[in-house]
PDB file of N, CA and C in Angstrom:
ATOM      1  N   MET A   1      17.913  32.113   3.793  1.00  0.00           N
ATOM      2  CA  MET A   1      17.018  31.714   2.631  1.00  0.00           C
ATOM      3  C   MET A   1      15.894  30.932   3.240  1.00  0.00           C
ATOM      4  N   LYS A   2      14.637  31.193   2.696  1.00  0.00           N
ATOM      5  CA  LYS A   2      13.403  30.622   3.251  1.00  0.00           C
ATOM      6  C   LYS A   2      13.120  29.269   2.494  1.00  0.00           C
ATOM      7  N   TYR A   3      12.654  28.291   3.266  1.00  0.00           N
ATOM      8  CA  TYR A   3      12.261  26.985   2.751  1.00  0.00           C
ATOM      9  C   TYR A   3      10.905  26.629   3.218  1.00  0.00           C
ATOM     10  N   GLN A   4      10.291  25.681   2.438  1.00  0.00           N
ATOM     11  CA  GLN A   4       8.967  25.036   2.823  1.00  0.00           C
ATOM     12  C   GLN A   4       9.178  23.526   2.520  1.00  0.00           C
ATOM     13  N   TYR A   5       8.812  22.696   3.458  1.00  0.00           N
ATOM     14  CA  TYR A   5       9.081  21.194   3.362  1.00  0.00           C
ATOM     15  C   TYR A   5       7.727  20.575   3.667  1.00  0.00           C
ATOM     16  N   GLN A   6       7.221  19.829   2.713  1.00  0.00           N
ATOM     17  CA  GLN A   6       6.059  18.986   2.901  1.00  0.00           C
ATOM     18  C   GLN A   6       6.322  17.710   3.620  1.00  0.00           C
ATOM     19  N   THR A   7       5.684  17.574   4.875  1.00  0.00           N
ATOM     20  CA  THR A   7       6.078  16.490   5.714  1.00  0.00           C
ATOM     21  C   THR A   7       5.326  15.210   5.281  1.00  0.00           C
ATOM     22  N   GLN A   8       5.851  14.108   5.659  1.00  0.00           N
ATOM     23  CA  GLN A   8       5.241  12.818   5.317  1.00  0.00           C
ATOM     24  C   GLN A   8       5.071  12.027   6.589  1.00  0.00           C
ATOM     25  N   GLY A   9       3.907  11.458   6.827  1.00  0.00           N
ATOM     26  CA  GLY A   9       3.691  10.435   7.850  1.00  0.00           C
ATOM     27  C   GLY A   9       3.435  11.096   9.275  1.00  0.00           C
ATOM     28  N   THR A  10       3.005  12.380   9.273  1.00  0.00           N
ATOM     29  CA  THR A  10       2.894  13.170  10.471  1.00  0.00           C
ATOM     30  C   THR A  10       1.511  13.913  10.348  1.00  0.00           C
ATOM     31  N   CYS A  11       1.056  14.322  11.557  1.00  0.00           N
ATOM     32  CA  CYS A  11      -0.194  15.227  11.625  1.00  0.00           C
ATOM     33  C   CYS A  11       0.040  16.576  10.967  1.00  0.00           C
ATOM     34  N   SER A  12       1.260  17.146  11.170  1.00  0.00           N
ATOM     35  CA  SER A  12       1.692  18.358  10.448  1.00  0.00           C
ATOM     36  C   SER A  12       1.705  18.147   8.908  1.00  0.00           C
ATOM     37  N   LYS A  13       1.308  19.310   8.244  1.00  0.00           N
ATOM     38  CA  LYS A  13       1.305  19.089   6.641  1.00  0.00           C
ATOM     39  C   LYS A  13       2.495  19.541   6.009  1.00  0.00           C
ATOM     40  N   TYR A  14       3.097  20.641   6.684  1.00  0.00           N
ATOM     41  CA  TYR A  14       4.293  21.258   6.122  1.00  0.00           C
ATOM     42  C   TYR A  14       5.024  22.022   7.116  1.00  0.00           C
ATOM     43  N   ILE A  15       6.403  22.385   6.905  1.00  0.00           N
ATOM     44  CA  ILE A  15       7.204  23.180   7.780  1.00  0.00           C
ATOM     45  C   ILE A  15       7.733  24.395   7.015  1.00  0.00           C
ATOM     46  N   GLU A  16       7.732  25.484   7.508  1.00  0.00           N
ATOM     47  CA  GLU A  16       8.465  26.594   6.910  1.00  0.00           C
ATOM     48  C   GLU A  16       9.555  27.105   7.780  1.00  0.00           C
ATOM     49  N   PHE A  17      10.697  27.445   7.262  1.00  0.00           N
ATOM     50  CA  PHE A  17      11.872  27.907   8.103  1.00  0.00           C
ATOM     51  C   PHE A  17      12.850  28.629   7.187  1.00  0.00           C
ATOM     52  N   GLU A  18      13.754  29.311   7.932  1.00  0.00           N
ATOM     53  CA  GLU A  18      14.837  29.940   7.257  1.00  0.00           C
ATOM     54  C   GLU A  18      16.208  29.524   7.753  1.00  0.00           C
ATOM     55  N   ILE A  19      17.160  29.463   6.880  1.00  0.00           N
ATOM     56  CA  ILE A  19      18.524  29.166   7.178  1.00  0.00           C
ATOM     57  C   ILE A  19      19.325  30.391   6.827  1.00  0.00           C
ATOM     58  N   GLY A  20      20.109  30.840   7.770  1.00  0.00           N
ATOM     59  CA  GLY A  20      20.879  32.085   7.571  1.00  0.00           C
ATOM     60  C   GLY A  20      22.202  31.683   6.834  1.00  0.00           C
ATOM     61  N   GLU A  21      22.913  32.779   6.380  1.00  0.00           N
ATOM     62  CA  GLU A  21      24.075  32.522   5.708  1.00  0.00           C
ATOM     63  C   GLU A  21      25.187  31.807   6.610  1.00  0.00           C
ATOM     64  N   ASP A  22      24.935  31.937   7.946  1.00  0.00           N
ATOM     65  CA  ASP A  22      25.905  31.229   8.817  1.00  0.00           C
ATOM     66  C   ASP A  22      25.369  29.878   9.151  1.00  0.00           C
ATOM     67  N   ASN A  23      24.461  29.294   8.394  1.00  0.00           N
ATOM     68  CA  ASN A  23      23.909  27.976   8.603  1.00  0.00           C
ATOM     69  C   ASN A  23      23.134  27.805   9.899  1.00  0.00           C
ATOM     70  N   ILE A  24      22.528  28.951  10.443  1.00  0.00           N
ATOM     71  CA  ILE A  24      21.759  28.990  11.605  1.00  0.00           C
ATOM     72  C   ILE A  24      20.225  28.871  11.264  1.00  0.00           C
ATOM     73  N   LEU A  25      19.524  28.225  12.074  1.00  0.00           N
ATOM     74  CA  LEU A  25      18.050  27.905  11.774  1.00  0.00           C
ATOM     75  C   LEU A  25      17.228  29.074  12.408  1.00  0.00           C
ATOM     76  N   HIS A  26      16.264  29.529  11.689  1.00  0.00           N
ATOM     77  CA  HIS A  26      15.362  30.655  12.178  1.00  0.00           C
ATOM     78  C   HIS A  26      13.995  30.479  11.714  1.00  0.00           C
ATOM     79  N   ASN A  27      13.047  31.024  12.483  1.00  0.00           N
ATOM     80  CA  ASN A  27      11.613  31.148  12.162  1.00  0.00           C
ATOM     81  C   ASN A  27      11.041  29.824  11.720  1.00  0.00           C
ATOM     82  N   VAL A  28      11.116  28.712  12.454  1.00  0.00           N
ATOM     83  CA  VAL A  28      10.502  27.473  12.218  1.00  0.00           C
ATOM     84  C   VAL A  28       9.016  27.468  12.518  1.00  0.00           C
ATOM     85  N   VAL A  29       8.089  27.161  11.630  1.00  0.00           N
ATOM     86  CA  VAL A  29       6.758  27.121  11.844  1.00  0.00           C
ATOM     87  C   VAL A  29       6.188  25.837  11.140  1.00  0.00           C
ATOM     88  N   PHE A  30       5.496  24.996  12.099  1.00  0.00           N
ATOM     89  CA  PHE A  30       4.843  23.746  11.538  1.00  0.00           C
ATOM     90  C   PHE A  30       3.386  24.226  11.278  1.00  0.00           C
ATOM     91  N   TYR A  31       2.846  23.592  10.265  1.00  0.00           N
ATOM     92  CA  TYR A  31       1.367  23.837   9.937  1.00  0.00           C
ATOM     93  C   TYR A  31       0.669  22.481  10.044  1.00  0.00           C
ATOM     94  N   GLY A  32      -0.385  22.521  10.908  1.00  0.00           N
ATOM     95  CA  GLY A  32      -1.103  21.211  11.275  1.00  0.00           C
ATOM     96  C   GLY A  32      -0.342  20.614  12.483  1.00  0.00           C
ATOM     97  N   GLY A  33      -0.969  19.633  12.988  1.00  0.00           N
ATOM     98  CA  GLY A  33      -0.254  18.932  14.040  1.00  0.00           C
ATOM     99  C   GLY A  33      -0.617  19.571  15.465  1.00  0.00           C
ATOM    100  N   CYS A  34       0.112  19.185  16.439  1.00  0.00           N
ATOM    101  CA  CYS A  34      -0.003  19.521  17.882  1.00  0.00           C
ATOM    102  C   CYS A  34       0.480  20.974  18.006  1.00  0.00           C
ATOM    103  N   ASN A  35      -0.235  21.974  17.899  1.00  0.00           N
ATOM    104  CA  ASN A  35       0.153  23.365  17.828  1.00  0.00           C
ATOM    105  C   ASN A  35       1.162  23.766  19.026  1.00  0.00           C
ATOM    106  N   GLY A  36       0.786  23.497  20.281  1.00  0.00           N
ATOM    107  CA  GLY A  36       1.605  23.990  21.347  1.00  0.00           C
ATOM    108  C   GLY A  36       2.954  23.226  21.301  1.00  0.00           C
ATOM    109  N   ASN A  37       3.068  21.931  21.083  1.00  0.00           N
ATOM    110  CA  ASN A  37       4.373  21.177  20.988  1.00  0.00           C
ATOM    111  C   ASN A  37       5.174  21.649  19.881  1.00  0.00           C
ATOM    112  N   LEU A  38       4.490  21.960  18.714  1.00  0.00           N
ATOM    113  CA  LEU A  38       5.330  22.326  17.577  1.00  0.00           C
ATOM    114  C   LEU A  38       5.806  23.734  17.757  1.00  0.00           C
ATOM    115  N   GLN A  39       5.030  24.634  18.432  1.00  0.00           N
ATOM    116  CA  GLN A  39       5.570  25.888  18.617  1.00  0.00           C
ATOM    117  C   GLN A  39       6.754  25.821  19.624  1.00  0.00           C
ATOM    118  N   GLY A  40       6.777  24.846  20.568  1.00  0.00           N
ATOM    119  CA  GLY A  40       7.833  24.721  21.473  1.00  0.00           C
ATOM    120  C   GLY A  40       9.073  24.272  20.662  1.00  0.00           C
ATOM    121  N   ILE A  41       8.891  23.312  19.707  1.00  0.00           N
ATOM    122  CA  ILE A  41      10.019  22.796  19.064  1.00  0.00           C
ATOM    123  C   ILE A  41      10.619  24.041  18.252  1.00  0.00           C
ATOM    124  N   GLY A  42       9.807  24.787  17.622  1.00  0.00           N
ATOM    125  CA  GLY A  42      10.235  25.889  16.883  1.00  0.00           C
ATOM    126  C   GLY A  42      11.037  26.973  17.685  1.00  0.00           C
ATOM    127  N   ARG A  43      10.548  27.090  18.849  1.00  0.00           N
ATOM    128  CA  ARG A  43      11.338  28.057  19.821  1.00  0.00           C
ATOM    129  C   ARG A  43      12.535  27.528  20.235  1.00  0.00           C
ATOM    130  N   LEU A  44      12.630  26.181  20.617  1.00  0.00           N
ATOM    131  CA  LEU A  44      13.853  25.550  21.049  1.00  0.00           C
ATOM    132  C   LEU A  44      14.989  25.479  19.984  1.00  0.00           C
ATOM    133  N   VAL A  45      14.658  25.291  18.814  1.00  0.00           N
ATOM    134  CA  VAL A  45      15.631  25.268  17.736  1.00  0.00           C
ATOM    135  C   VAL A  45      16.161  26.564  17.188  1.00  0.00           C
ATOM    136  N   GLU A  46      15.329  27.637  17.475  1.00  0.00           N
ATOM    137  CA  GLU A  46      15.671  28.972  17.024  1.00  0.00           C
ATOM    138  C   GLU A  46      17.083  29.335  17.313  1.00  0.00           C
ATOM    139  N   GLY A  47      17.900  29.711  16.314  1.00  0.00           N
ATOM    140  CA  GLY A  47      19.143  30.141  16.422  1.00  0.00           C
ATOM    141  C   GLY A  47      20.223  29.059  16.537  1.00  0.00           C
ATOM    142  N   MET A  48      19.748  27.836  16.367  1.00  0.00           N
ATOM    143  CA  MET A  48      20.706  26.776  16.527  1.00  0.00           C
ATOM    144  C   MET A  48      21.290  26.475  15.169  1.00  0.00           C
ATOM    145  N   PRO A  49      22.615  25.900  15.135  1.00  0.00           N
ATOM    146  CA  PRO A  49      23.219  25.456  13.885  1.00  0.00           C
ATOM    147  C   PRO A  49      22.329  24.271  13.270  1.00  0.00           C
ATOM    148  N   VAL A  50      22.305  24.229  11.917  1.00  0.00           N
ATOM    149  CA  VAL A  50      21.583  23.224  11.316  1.00  0.00           C
ATOM    150  C   VAL A  50      22.023  21.824  11.728  1.00  0.00           C
ATOM    151  N   ASN A  51      23.320  21.553  11.750  1.00  0.00           N
ATOM    152  CA  ASN A  51      23.850  20.239  12.109  1.00  0.00           C
ATOM    153  C   ASN A  51      23.481  19.908  13.544  1.00  0.00           C
ATOM    154  N   GLU A  52      23.381  20.882  14.410  1.00  0.00           N
ATOM    155  CA  GLU A  52      23.138  20.544  15.785  1.00  0.00           C
ATOM    156  C   GLU A  52      21.662  20.164  15.916  1.00  0.00           C
ATOM    157  N   VAL A  53      20.676  20.746  15.071  1.00  0.00           N
ATOM    158  CA  VAL A  53      19.291  20.419  15.085  1.00  0.00           C
ATOM    159  C   VAL A  53      19.136  18.995  14.481  1.00  0.00           C
ATOM    160  N   ILE A  54      19.807  18.667  13.528  1.00  0.00           N
ATOM    161  CA  ILE A  54      19.682  17.316  12.874  1.00  0.00           C
ATOM    162  C   ILE A  54      20.136  16.332  13.873  1.00  0.00           C
ATOM    163  N   ALA A  55      21.220  16.583  14.549  1.00  0.00           N
ATOM    164  CA  ALA A  55      21.793  15.529  15.544  1.00  0.00           C
ATOM    165  C   ALA A  55      20.748  15.336  16.711  1.00  0.00           C
ATOM    166  N   LYS A  56      20.130  16.360  17.145  1.00  0.00           N
ATOM    167  CA  LYS A  56      19.117  16.308  18.121  1.00  0.00           C
ATOM    168  C   LYS A  56      17.867  15.687  17.847  1.00  0.00           C
ATOM    169  N   LEU A  57      17.331  15.943  16.608  1.00  0.00           N
ATOM    170  CA  LEU A  57      15.959  15.510  16.234  1.00  0.00           C
ATOM    171  C   LEU A  57      15.841  14.372  15.374  1.00  0.00           C
ATOM    172  N   ASP A  58      16.907  13.958  14.592  1.00  0.00           N
ATOM    173  CA  ASP A  58      16.809  12.882  13.730  1.00  0.00           C
ATOM    174  C   ASP A  58      16.528  11.508  14.402  1.00  0.00           C
ATOM    175  N   GLY A  59      15.526  10.803  13.961  1.00  0.00           N
ATOM    176  CA  GLY A  59      15.225   9.571  14.418  1.00  0.00           C
ATOM    177  C   GLY A  59      14.116   9.458  15.524  1.00  0.00           C
ATOM    178  N   ILE A  60      13.630  10.670  15.925  1.00  0.00           N
ATOM    179  CA  ILE A  60      12.688  10.718  16.922  1.00  0.00           C
ATOM    180  C   ILE A  60      11.215  10.025  16.338  1.00  0.00           C
ATOM    181  N   ARG A  61      10.593   9.286  16.998  1.00  0.00           N
ATOM    182  CA  ARG A  61       9.499   8.527  16.574  1.00  0.00           C
ATOM    183  C   ARG A  61       8.213   9.026  17.346  1.00  0.00           C
ATOM    184  N   CYS A  62       6.965   9.073  16.732  1.00  0.00           N
ATOM    185  CA  CYS A  62       5.704   9.392  17.332  1.00  0.00           C
ATOM    186  C   CYS A  62       4.804   8.299  17.338  1.00  0.00           C
ATOM    187  N   ALA A  63       4.215   7.925  18.411  1.00  0.00           N
ATOM    188  CA  ALA A  63       3.135   6.966  18.471  1.00  0.00           C
ATOM    189  C   ALA A  63       3.414   5.603  17.724  1.00  0.00           C
ATOM    190  N   GLY A  64       4.661   5.119  17.882  1.00  0.00           N
ATOM    191  CA  GLY A  64       5.026   3.879  17.233  1.00  0.00           C
ATOM    192  C   GLY A  64       5.328   3.927  15.829  1.00  0.00           C
ATOM    193  N   GLY A  65       5.059   5.181  15.200  1.00  0.00           N
ATOM    194  CA  GLY A  65       5.203   5.296  13.713  1.00  0.00           C
ATOM    195  C   GLY A  65       6.763   5.436  13.270  1.00  0.00           C
ATOM    196  N   PRO A  66       6.936   5.506  11.960  1.00  0.00           N
ATOM    197  CA  PRO A  66       8.195   5.547  11.516  1.00  0.00           C
ATOM    198  C   PRO A  66       8.960   6.888  11.590  1.00  0.00           C
ATOM    199  N   THR A  67       8.170   7.977  11.945  1.00  0.00           N
ATOM    200  CA  THR A  67       8.692   9.325  11.948  1.00  0.00           C
ATOM    201  C   THR A  67       7.964  10.219  12.992  1.00  0.00           C
ATOM    202  N   SER A  68       8.189  11.503  13.022  1.00  0.00           N
ATOM    203  CA  SER A  68       7.572  12.412  13.867  1.00  0.00           C
ATOM    204  C   SER A  68       7.796  13.811  13.342  1.00  0.00           C
ATOM    205  N   CYS A  69       7.119  14.925  13.784  1.00  0.00           N
ATOM    206  CA  CYS A  69       7.349  16.155  13.422  1.00  0.00           C
ATOM    207  C   CYS A  69       8.784  16.582  13.558  1.00  0.00           C
ATOM    208  N   PRO A  70       9.488  16.271  14.722  1.00  0.00           N
ATOM    209  CA  PRO A  70      10.847  16.713  14.807  1.00  0.00           C
ATOM    210  C   PRO A  70      11.643  15.994  13.740  1.00  0.00           C
ATOM    211  N   ASP A  71      11.364  14.733  13.676  1.00  0.00           N
ATOM    212  CA  ASP A  71      12.207  13.938  12.637  1.00  0.00           C
ATOM    213  C   ASP A  71      12.041  14.448  11.277  1.00  0.00           C
ATOM    214  N   GLN A  72      10.906  14.990  10.872  1.00  0.00           N
ATOM    215  CA  GLN A  72      10.576  15.595   9.697  1.00  0.00           C
ATOM    216  C   GLN A  72      11.384  16.791   9.416  1.00  0.00           C
ATOM    217  N   LEU A  73      11.523  17.548  10.586  1.00  0.00           N
ATOM    218  CA  LEU A  73      12.391  18.826  10.418  1.00  0.00           C
ATOM    219  C   LEU A  73      13.869  18.397  10.016  1.00  0.00           C
ATOM    220  N   ALA A  74      14.219  17.307  10.786  1.00  0.00           N
ATOM    221  CA  ALA A  74      15.607  16.905  10.532  1.00  0.00           C
ATOM    222  C   ALA A  74      15.794  16.418   9.009  1.00  0.00           C
ATOM    223  N   ASN A  75      14.823  15.745   8.674  1.00  0.00           N
ATOM    224  CA  ASN A  75      14.854  15.233   7.211  1.00  0.00           C
ATOM    225  C   ASN A  75      14.839  16.367   6.189  1.00  0.00           C
ATOM    226  N   ALA A  76      14.094  17.425   6.539  1.00  0.00           N
ATOM    227  CA  ALA A  76      14.095  18.624   5.672  1.00  0.00           C
ATOM    228  C   ALA A  76      15.434  19.219   5.598  1.00  0.00           C
ATOM    229  N   LEU A  77      16.078  19.424   6.790  1.00  0.00           N
ATOM    230  CA  LEU A  77      17.424  20.008   6.824  1.00  0.00           C
ATOM    231  C   LEU A  77      18.397  19.138   6.042  1.00  0.00           C
ATOM    232  N   LYS A  78      18.321  17.846   6.251  1.00  0.00           N
ATOM    233  CA  LYS A  78      19.278  16.899   5.521  1.00  0.00           C
ATOM    234  C   LYS A  78      19.071  16.969   4.033  1.00  0.00           C
ATOM    235  N   GLU A  79      17.779  17.154   3.499  1.00  0.00           N
ATOM    236  CA  GLU A  79      17.519  17.342   2.169  1.00  0.00           C
ATOM    237  C   GLU A  79      18.133  18.530   1.663  1.00  0.00           C
ATOM    238  N   ILE A  80      18.020  19.661   2.324  1.00  0.00           N
ATOM    239  CA  ILE A  80      18.663  20.854   1.881  1.00  0.00           C
ATOM    240  C   ILE A  80      20.217  20.816   1.855  1.00  0.00           C
ATOM    241  N   GLN A  81      20.831  20.202   2.834  1.00  0.00           N
ATOM    242  CA  GLN A  81      22.230  19.957   2.872  1.00  0.00           C
ATOM    243  C   GLN A  81      22.681  19.125   1.548  1.00  0.00           C
ATOM    244  N   LYS A  82      21.912  18.125   1.196  1.00  0.00           N
ATOM    245  CA  LYS A  82      22.312  17.395   0.021  1.00  0.00           C
ATOM    246  C   LYS A  82      22.373  18.182  -1.239  1.00  0.00           C
ATOM    247  N   HIS A  83      21.618  19.299  -1.257  1.00  0.00           N
ATOM    248  CA  HIS A  83      21.510  20.185  -2.531  1.00  0.00           C
ATOM    249  C   HIS A  83      22.370  21.409  -2.522  1.00  0.00           C
ATOM    250  N   GLN A  84      23.139  21.363  -1.410  1.00  0.00           N
ATOM    251  CA  GLN A  84      23.967  22.756  -1.255  1.00  0.00           C
ATOM    252  C   GLN A  84      25.279  22.407  -1.924  1.00  0.00           C
TER     253      GLN A  84
END
């Protein structure tokens, strides 16, 4: 299933991604933000189980702020899990 998540507190504005029936993350694309770094994150998490992505990215901070683009992806995935 395809999802879109509006980020908060980051340079990126939103994230699009898909979660397969097997709870595997696919096609992560960040819009806005540091393009090269965010493409890298998308490629690194491609094909990973959602719970593993959350465990690795949750709580990462950027520039002393309360969140980061990777943290926002973890937050998006946690939100989806709450509603499943």
